[in-house]
Amino acid sequence: MKGRAANHHHGRANRAAGFTLLEVLGALALLALLLVGVYGGVRSAIHGVRSGSAAIARVDQIGSAQRFLRGELAQALAQPIAHTDNGRPIYFAGSAHEMRYVAPLPGYLGKLGPQLQVLKLVDDGKGGQRLELQLALLPPDGQPPKPLGEPQVLLDHIKDGGFSYRGRDAQNRELPWGADWADGSRLPQLVRIRLQPHGGYGWPELDVPLRVDPAAAVGRVGLLPGSMLSPGGVR
């Protein structure tokens, strides 16, 4: 009897010291739920960081494109990009989705001298547009411009956009805003770049003054009348 009581007491002690299968499974289930919650939180945090980084990168891209366009257009030069059939020089060509002009590039990129810059809104194949810049050297012997590499994307994921121009005609009459600049022997006084990026990012309407007027003087660079947007100039 004494031995049987001792064995019974030893069995109860073993059960008290261990866990049943149901207890182990329950603990594992709780641990799995805890790990799922932690993983979900970490994944949400990573997604938030990535979204924030992407938004910052997008804002930086838009700002860089605006600064580049404003700086380059403001430095447009009175240098011919082509000639008409009767030999008349063409200094600027502009339409609703493309413009051509000559300007010096900033920094080390400008060591090659003034270059033909072609800004173009092209279809991106995804239901939107992208703004591309193509650079080309202007040979001194009057040969056609030589492209420098592939076009560079200044801004992508654009829902809609266009260019418009304003200035004066050969009789110094003020012209209204238009989607085409017909008189290539003159530079427009103002270029407007309107873009609507995808994702709700803002693009303030960008009006850039061009300071140079090739018709203002012979053999030298002149300033456009009202180019500093004085009260009597174009607004």
C-alpha atoms as a PDB file:
ATOM      1  CA  MET A   1       0.000   0.000   0.000  1.00  0.00           C
ATOM      2  CA  LYS A   2       2.789   2.302   0.883  1.00  0.00           C
ATOM      3  CA  GLY A   3       4.550   1.657  -2.435  1.00  0.00           C
ATOM      4  CA  ARG A   4       1.364   2.179  -4.394  1.00  0.00           C
ATOM      5  CA  ALA A   5       0.745   5.545  -2.688  1.00  0.00           C
ATOM      6  CA  ALA A   6       4.304   6.629  -3.452  1.00  0.00           C
ATOM      7  CA  ASN A   7       3.874   5.835  -7.181  1.00  0.00           C
ATOM      8  CA  HIS A   8       0.583   7.711  -7.284  1.00  0.00           C
ATOM      9  CA  HIS A   9       2.187  10.757  -5.663  1.00  0.00           C
ATOM     10  CA  HIS A  10       5.129  10.608  -8.120  1.00  0.00           C
ATOM     11  CA  GLY A  11       2.754  10.551 -11.126  1.00  0.00           C
ATOM     12  CA  ARG A  12       0.861  13.574  -9.871  1.00  0.00           C
ATOM     13  CA  ALA A  13       4.154  15.454  -9.382  1.00  0.00           C
ATOM     14  CA  ASN A  14       5.197  14.699 -12.988  1.00  0.00           C
ATOM     15  CA  ARG A  15       1.890  15.998 -14.345  1.00  0.00           C
ATOM     16  CA  ALA A  16       2.226  19.151 -12.216  1.00  0.00           C
ATOM     17  CA  ALA A  17       5.788  19.780 -13.467  1.00  0.00           C
ATOM     18  CA  GLY A  18       4.971  19.446 -17.247  1.00  0.00           C
ATOM     19  CA  PHE A  19       2.422  20.764 -19.827  1.00  0.00           C
ATOM     20  CA  THR A  20      -0.323  18.943 -21.565  1.00  0.00           C
ATOM     21  CA  LEU A  21      -0.492  18.795 -25.362  1.00  0.00           C
ATOM     22  CA  LEU A  22      -3.433  21.228 -25.413  1.00  0.00           C
ATOM     23  CA  GLU A  23      -1.489  23.733 -23.320  1.00  0.00           C
ATOM     24  CA  VAL A  24       1.500  23.533 -25.668  1.00  0.00           C
ATOM     25  CA  LEU A  25      -0.710  23.967 -28.749  1.00  0.00           C
ATOM     26  CA  GLY A  26      -2.474  26.918 -27.137  1.00  0.00           C
ATOM     27  CA  ALA A  27       0.843  28.593 -26.329  1.00  0.00           C
ATOM     28  CA  LEU A  28       2.061  28.050 -29.871  1.00  0.00           C
ATOM     29  CA  ALA A  29      -1.157  29.542 -31.268  1.00  0.00           C
ATOM     30  CA  LEU A  30      -0.760  32.627 -29.055  1.00  0.00           C
ATOM     31  CA  LEU A  31       2.874  32.973 -30.109  1.00  0.00           C
ATOM     32  CA  ALA A  32       1.879  32.711 -33.795  1.00  0.00           C
ATOM     33  CA  LEU A  33      -0.743  35.433 -33.337  1.00  0.00           C
ATOM     34  CA  LEU A  34       1.819  37.624 -31.600  1.00  0.00           C
ATOM     35  CA  LEU A  35       4.342  37.099 -34.419  1.00  0.00           C
ATOM     36  CA  VAL A  36       1.696  37.894 -37.049  1.00  0.00           C
ATOM     37  CA  GLY A  37       0.875  41.131 -35.265  1.00  0.00           C
ATOM     38  CA  VAL A  38       4.542  42.095 -34.986  1.00  0.00           C
ATOM     39  CA  TYR A  39       5.130  41.276 -38.667  1.00  0.00           C
ATOM     40  CA  GLY A  40       2.103  43.325 -39.701  1.00  0.00           C
ATOM     41  CA  GLY A  41       3.359  46.287 -37.692  1.00  0.00           C
ATOM     42  CA  VAL A  42       6.866  46.037 -39.131  1.00  0.00           C
ATOM     43  CA  ARG A  43       5.486  45.698 -42.665  1.00  0.00           C
ATOM     44  CA  SER A  44       3.258  48.760 -42.171  1.00  0.00           C
ATOM     45  CA  ALA A  45       6.219  50.743 -40.844  1.00  0.00           C
ATOM     46  CA  ILE A  46       8.391  49.720 -43.814  1.00  0.00           C
ATOM     47  CA  HIS A  47       5.583  50.592 -46.229  1.00  0.00           C
ATOM     48  CA  GLY A  48       5.166  53.971 -44.552  1.00  0.00           C
ATOM     49  CA  VAL A  49       8.899  54.694 -44.795  1.00  0.00           C
ATOM     50  CA  ARG A  50       8.972  53.664 -48.446  1.00  0.00           C
ATOM     51  CA  SER A  51       5.907  55.755 -49.259  1.00  0.00           C
ATOM     52  CA  GLY A  52       7.400  58.748 -47.494  1.00  0.00           C
ATOM     53  CA  SER A  53      10.718  58.313 -49.301  1.00  0.00           C
ATOM     54  CA  ALA A  54       8.934  57.967 -52.657  1.00  0.00           C
ATOM     55  CA  ALA A  55       6.903  61.133 -51.976  1.00  0.00           C
ATOM     56  CA  ILE A  56      10.048  63.072 -51.052  1.00  0.00           C
ATOM     57  CA  ALA A  57      11.848  61.800 -54.159  1.00  0.00           C
ATOM     58  CA  ARG A  58       8.879  62.799 -56.331  1.00  0.00           C
ATOM     59  CA  VAL A  59       8.749  66.305 -54.864  1.00  0.00           C
ATOM     60  CA  ASP A  60      12.509  66.637 -55.406  1.00  0.00           C
ATOM     61  CA  GLN A  61      12.143  65.485 -59.026  1.00  0.00           C
ATOM     62  CA  ILE A  62       9.400  68.050 -59.689  1.00  0.00           C
ATOM     63  CA  GLY A  63      11.411  70.820 -58.024  1.00  0.00           C
ATOM     64  CA  SER A  64      14.559  69.920 -59.970  1.00  0.00           C
ATOM     65  CA  ALA A  65      12.645  69.945 -63.260  1.00  0.00           C
ATOM     66  CA  GLN A  66      11.190  73.370 -62.476  1.00  0.00           C
ATOM     67  CA  ARG A  67      14.581  74.845 -61.551  1.00  0.00           C
ATOM     68  CA  PHE A  68      16.214  73.428 -64.666  1.00  0.00           C
ATOM     69  CA  LEU A  69      13.507  74.722 -67.002  1.00  0.00           C
ATOM     70  CA  ARG A  70      13.454  78.155 -65.430  1.00  0.00           C
ATOM     71  CA  GLY A  71      17.244  78.493 -65.530  1.00  0.00           C
ATOM     72  CA  GLU A  72      17.782  77.191 -69.071  1.00  0.00           C
ATOM     73  CA  LEU A  73      14.925  79.051 -70.740  1.00  0.00           C
ATOM     74  CA  ALA A  74      15.950  82.302 -69.059  1.00  0.00           C
ATOM     75  CA  GLN A  75      19.417  81.878 -70.637  1.00  0.00           C
ATOM     76  CA  ALA A  76      18.177  81.261 -74.184  1.00  0.00           C
ATOM     77  CA  LEU A  77      20.666  82.731 -76.672  1.00  0.00           C
ATOM     78  CA  ALA A  78      20.208  84.571 -79.951  1.00  0.00           C
ATOM     79  CA  GLN A  79      21.902  81.775 -81.869  1.00  0.00           C
ATOM     80  CA  PRO A  80      20.252  80.225 -84.934  1.00  0.00           C
ATOM     81  CA  ILE A  81      18.990  76.668 -84.654  1.00  0.00           C
ATOM     82  CA  ALA A  82      18.105  76.491 -88.373  1.00  0.00           C
ATOM     83  CA  HIS A  83      17.361  78.671 -91.413  1.00  0.00           C
ATOM     84  CA  THR A  84      14.335  79.156 -93.612  1.00  0.00           C
ATOM     85  CA  ASP A  85      14.392  78.425 -97.336  1.00  0.00           C
ATOM     86  CA  ASN A  86      15.363  82.031 -98.038  1.00  0.00           C
ATOM     87  CA  GLY A  87      18.210  81.913 -95.527  1.00  0.00           C
ATOM     88  CA  ARG A  88      16.461  83.703 -92.690  1.00  0.00           C
ATOM     89  CA  PRO A  89      17.706  82.487 -89.268  1.00  0.00           C
ATOM     90  CA  ILE A  90      15.376  80.662 -86.900  1.00  0.00           C
ATOM     91  CA  TYR A  91      16.157  81.250 -83.226  1.00  0.00           C
ATOM     92  CA  PHE A  92      13.224  79.533 -81.543  1.00  0.00           C
ATOM     93  CA  ALA A  93      10.646  76.906 -82.477  1.00  0.00           C
ATOM     94  CA  GLY A  94       7.697  76.203 -80.227  1.00  0.00           C
ATOM     95  CA  SER A  95       4.514  74.140 -80.329  1.00  0.00           C
ATOM     96  CA  ALA A  96       2.126  72.771 -77.720  1.00  0.00           C
ATOM     97  CA  HIS A  97       4.342  69.750 -76.996  1.00  0.00           C
ATOM     98  CA  GLU A  98       7.830  70.692 -78.179  1.00  0.00           C
ATOM     99  CA  MET A  99      10.213  73.641 -78.118  1.00  0.00           C
ATOM    100  CA  ARG A 100      13.710  74.197 -79.496  1.00  0.00           C
ATOM    101  CA  TYR A 101      16.211  76.852 -78.452  1.00  0.00           C
ATOM    102  CA  VAL A 102      19.912  77.354 -77.753  1.00  0.00           C
ATOM    103  CA  ALA A 103      21.223  77.806 -74.212  1.00  0.00           C
ATOM    104  CA  PRO A 104      24.403  77.074 -72.231  1.00  0.00           C
ATOM    105  CA  LEU A 105      24.229  74.206 -69.770  1.00  0.00           C
ATOM    106  CA  PRO A 106      25.298  74.839 -66.166  1.00  0.00           C
ATOM    107  CA  GLY A 107      28.533  73.609 -64.588  1.00  0.00           C
ATOM    108  CA  TYR A 108      30.773  71.061 -66.260  1.00  0.00           C
ATOM    109  CA  LEU A 109      28.042  70.238 -68.779  1.00  0.00           C
ATOM    110  CA  GLY A 110      28.488  73.688 -70.283  1.00  0.00           C
ATOM    111  CA  LYS A 111      32.107  73.098 -71.297  1.00  0.00           C
ATOM    112  CA  LEU A 112      30.951  71.974 -74.718  1.00  0.00           C
ATOM    113  CA  GLY A 113      29.512  75.429 -75.326  1.00  0.00           C
ATOM    114  CA  PRO A 114      25.922  76.480 -76.075  1.00  0.00           C
ATOM    115  CA  GLN A 115      23.773  73.594 -77.206  1.00  0.00           C
ATOM    116  CA  LEU A 116      20.494  73.050 -78.935  1.00  0.00           C
ATOM    117  CA  GLN A 117      17.970  71.994 -76.321  1.00  0.00           C
ATOM    118  CA  VAL A 118      14.816  70.183 -77.389  1.00  0.00           C
ATOM    119  CA  LEU A 119      12.089  69.903 -74.744  1.00  0.00           C
ATOM    120  CA  LYS A 120       9.378  67.463 -75.683  1.00  0.00           C
ATOM    121  CA  LEU A 121       6.287  65.941 -74.096  1.00  0.00           C
ATOM    122  CA  VAL A 122       6.050  62.355 -75.349  1.00  0.00           C
ATOM    123  CA  ASP A 123       3.679  59.444 -74.766  1.00  0.00           C
ATOM    124  CA  ASP A 124       5.032  57.081 -72.102  1.00  0.00           C
ATOM    125  CA  GLY A 125       3.042  54.091 -73.382  1.00  0.00           C
ATOM    126  CA  LYS A 126       1.109  53.859 -70.094  1.00  0.00           C
ATOM    127  CA  GLY A 127      -1.645  56.346 -70.732  1.00  0.00           C
ATOM    128  CA  GLY A 128       0.459  59.313 -69.628  1.00  0.00           C
ATOM    129  CA  GLN A 129       3.337  61.491 -70.749  1.00  0.00           C
ATOM    130  CA  ARG A 130       6.903  62.283 -69.823  1.00  0.00           C
ATOM    131  CA  LEU A 131       9.002  65.410 -70.326  1.00  0.00           C
ATOM    132  CA  GLU A 132      12.245  64.686 -72.174  1.00  0.00           C
ATOM    133  CA  LEU A 133      15.296  66.808 -72.909  1.00  0.00           C
ATOM    134  CA  GLN A 134      17.476  66.131 -75.954  1.00  0.00           C
ATOM    135  CA  LEU A 135      20.800  67.959 -76.243  1.00  0.00           C
ATOM    136  CA  ALA A 136      22.673  68.494 -79.486  1.00  0.00           C
ATOM    137  CA  LEU A 137      25.898  70.214 -80.536  1.00  0.00           C
ATOM    138  CA  LEU A 138      25.704  73.006 -83.078  1.00  0.00           C
ATOM    139  CA  PRO A 139      28.602  72.578 -85.539  1.00  0.00           C
ATOM    140  CA  PRO A 140      30.268  75.904 -86.440  1.00  0.00           C
ATOM    141  CA  ASP A 141      30.162  75.068 -90.156  1.00  0.00           C
ATOM    142  CA  GLY A 142      26.361  75.197 -90.249  1.00  0.00           C
ATOM    143  CA  GLN A 143      25.859  71.450 -90.457  1.00  0.00           C
ATOM    144  CA  PRO A 144      22.780  69.901 -88.793  1.00  0.00           C
ATOM    145  CA  PRO A 145      22.940  69.569 -84.982  1.00  0.00           C
ATOM    146  CA  LYS A 146      24.555  66.401 -83.636  1.00  0.00           C
ATOM    147  CA  PRO A 147      22.565  64.776 -80.789  1.00  0.00           C
ATOM    148  CA  LEU A 148      24.464  64.100 -77.570  1.00  0.00           C
ATOM    149  CA  GLY A 149      23.342  60.679 -76.379  1.00  0.00           C
ATOM    150  CA  GLU A 150      19.796  59.602 -75.665  1.00  0.00           C
ATOM    151  CA  PRO A 151      17.035  61.955 -74.471  1.00  0.00           C
ATOM    152  CA  GLN A 152      16.996  62.499 -70.714  1.00  0.00           C
ATOM    153  CA  VAL A 153      13.751  62.284 -68.728  1.00  0.00           C
ATOM    154  CA  LEU A 154      13.198  65.457 -66.697  1.00  0.00           C
ATOM    155  CA  LEU A 155       9.816  64.384 -65.334  1.00  0.00           C
ATOM    156  CA  ASP A 156       7.714  61.258 -65.808  1.00  0.00           C
ATOM    157  CA  HIS A 157       4.212  60.105 -64.812  1.00  0.00           C
ATOM    158  CA  ILE A 158       2.514  63.204 -66.242  1.00  0.00           C
ATOM    159  CA  LYS A 159      -1.255  63.102 -66.673  1.00  0.00           C
ATOM    160  CA  ASP A 160      -1.502  66.124 -68.970  1.00  0.00           C
ATOM    161  CA  GLY A 161       0.550  69.114 -70.039  1.00  0.00           C
ATOM    162  CA  GLY A 162       1.528  71.587 -72.712  1.00  0.00           C
ATOM    163  CA  PHE A 163       3.553  74.668 -73.646  1.00  0.00           C
ATOM    164  CA  SER A 164       2.309  78.121 -74.611  1.00  0.00           C
ATOM    165  CA  TYR A 165       4.019  81.359 -75.623  1.00  0.00           C
ATOM    166  CA  ARG A 166       3.550  85.107 -75.482  1.00  0.00           C
ATOM    167  CA  GLY A 167       5.480  88.015 -76.951  1.00  0.00           C
ATOM    168  CA  ARG A 168       5.440  90.637 -79.692  1.00  0.00           C
ATOM    169  CA  ASP A 169       5.313  90.449 -83.452  1.00  0.00           C
ATOM    170  CA  ALA A 170       7.588  92.150 -85.997  1.00  0.00           C
ATOM    171  CA  GLN A 171       5.541  95.369 -85.640  1.00  0.00           C
ATOM    172  CA  ASN A 172       6.092  95.266 -81.859  1.00  0.00           C
ATOM    173  CA  ARG A 173       2.429  94.467 -81.250  1.00  0.00           C
ATOM    174  CA  GLU A 174       1.653  92.391 -78.202  1.00  0.00           C
ATOM    175  CA  LEU A 175       0.549  88.851 -78.992  1.00  0.00           C
ATOM    176  CA  PRO A 176      -1.812  86.817 -76.756  1.00  0.00           C
ATOM    177  CA  TRP A 177      -0.900  83.461 -75.291  1.00  0.00           C
ATOM    178  CA  GLY A 178      -0.801  80.769 -77.956  1.00  0.00           C
ATOM    179  CA  ALA A 179       0.152  77.100 -78.269  1.00  0.00           C
ATOM    180  CA  ASP A 180       2.415  77.807 -81.276  1.00  0.00           C
ATOM    181  CA  TRP A 181       5.205  80.326 -81.788  1.00  0.00           C
ATOM    182  CA  ALA A 182       5.076  81.049 -85.509  1.00  0.00           C
ATOM    183  CA  ASP A 183       7.811  83.694 -85.947  1.00  0.00           C
ATOM    184  CA  GLY A 184      11.036  81.795 -85.345  1.00  0.00           C
ATOM    185  CA  SER A 185      13.100  84.904 -86.128  1.00  0.00           C
ATOM    186  CA  ARG A 186      12.027  86.255 -82.743  1.00  0.00           C
ATOM    187  CA  LEU A 187      12.058  84.728 -79.292  1.00  0.00           C
ATOM    188  CA  PRO A 188       8.882  84.803 -77.209  1.00  0.00           C
ATOM    189  CA  GLN A 189       9.000  87.039 -74.173  1.00  0.00           C
ATOM    190  CA  LEU A 190       7.315  84.467 -71.942  1.00  0.00           C
ATOM    191  CA  VAL A 191       7.105  80.680 -72.070  1.00  0.00           C
ATOM    192  CA  ARG A 192       4.442  78.927 -70.000  1.00  0.00           C
ATOM    193  CA  ILE A 193       4.913  75.287 -69.013  1.00  0.00           C
ATOM    194  CA  ARG A 194       1.774  73.600 -67.710  1.00  0.00           C
ATOM    195  CA  LEU A 195       2.083  70.064 -66.335  1.00  0.00           C
ATOM    196  CA  GLN A 196      -0.245  67.901 -64.278  1.00  0.00           C
ATOM    197  CA  PRO A 197       1.681  65.060 -62.613  1.00  0.00           C
ATOM    198  CA  HIS A 198      -0.077  61.879 -61.540  1.00  0.00           C
ATOM    199  CA  GLY A 199      -0.669  61.285 -57.862  1.00  0.00           C
ATOM    200  CA  GLY A 200      -1.996  64.710 -56.942  1.00  0.00           C
ATOM    201  CA  TYR A 201       1.427  66.357 -56.849  1.00  0.00           C
ATOM    202  CA  GLY A 202       1.340  70.073 -57.548  1.00  0.00           C
ATOM    203  CA  TRP A 203       3.013  71.854 -60.440  1.00  0.00           C
ATOM    204  CA  PRO A 204       2.558  75.622 -60.113  1.00  0.00           C
ATOM    205  CA  GLU A 205       1.998  77.238 -63.493  1.00  0.00           C
ATOM    206  CA  LEU A 206       5.506  78.105 -64.635  1.00  0.00           C
ATOM    207  CA  ASP A 207       5.955  81.343 -66.615  1.00  0.00           C
ATOM    208  CA  VAL A 208       9.572  81.919 -67.632  1.00  0.00           C
ATOM    209  CA  PRO A 209      10.778  85.213 -69.170  1.00  0.00           C
ATOM    210  CA  LEU A 210      13.278  85.006 -72.043  1.00  0.00           C
ATOM    211  CA  ARG A 211      15.604  87.977 -71.872  1.00  0.00           C
ATOM    212  CA  VAL A 212      17.250  87.906 -75.299  1.00  0.00           C
ATOM    213  CA  ASP A 213      15.769  89.484 -78.424  1.00  0.00           C
ATOM    214  CA  PRO A 214      17.749  88.654 -81.597  1.00  0.00           C
ATOM    215  CA  ALA A 215      15.893  91.363 -83.491  1.00  0.00           C
ATOM    216  CA  ALA A 216      16.824  94.073 -80.998  1.00  0.00           C
ATOM    217  CA  ALA A 217      20.292  94.593 -82.407  1.00  0.00           C
ATOM    218  CA  VAL A 218      22.594  93.509 -85.200  1.00  0.00           C
ATOM    219  CA  GLY A 219      25.712  91.609 -84.267  1.00  0.00           C
ATOM    220  CA  ARG A 220      25.082  91.693 -80.527  1.00  0.00           C
ATOM    221  CA  VAL A 221      22.703  90.305 -77.945  1.00  0.00           C
ATOM    222  CA  GLY A 222      19.901  92.678 -76.984  1.00  0.00           C
ATOM    223  CA  LEU A 223      17.445  92.691 -74.149  1.00  0.00           C
ATOM    224  CA  LEU A 224      13.761  92.328 -74.796  1.00  0.00           C
ATOM    225  CA  PRO A 225      11.670  95.443 -74.180  1.00  0.00           C
ATOM    226  CA  GLY A 226       9.876  94.850 -70.913  1.00  0.00           C
ATOM    227  CA  SER A 227      11.869  91.651 -70.299  1.00  0.00           C
ATOM    228  CA  MET A 228      12.184  92.483 -66.623  1.00  0.00           C
ATOM    229  CA  LEU A 229       8.372  92.553 -66.458  1.00  0.00           C
ATOM    230  CA  SER A 230       8.175  96.274 -65.834  1.00  0.00           C
ATOM    231  CA  PRO A 231       4.699  97.898 -65.642  1.00  0.00           C
ATOM    232  CA  GLY A 232       4.741  98.483 -69.388  1.00  0.00           C
ATOM    233  CA  GLY A 233       5.994  94.986 -70.240  1.00  0.00           C
ATOM    234  CA  VAL A 234       4.272  91.680 -70.733  1.00  0.00           C
ATOM    235  CA  ARG A 235       2.713  90.081 -67.696  1.00  0.00           C
END
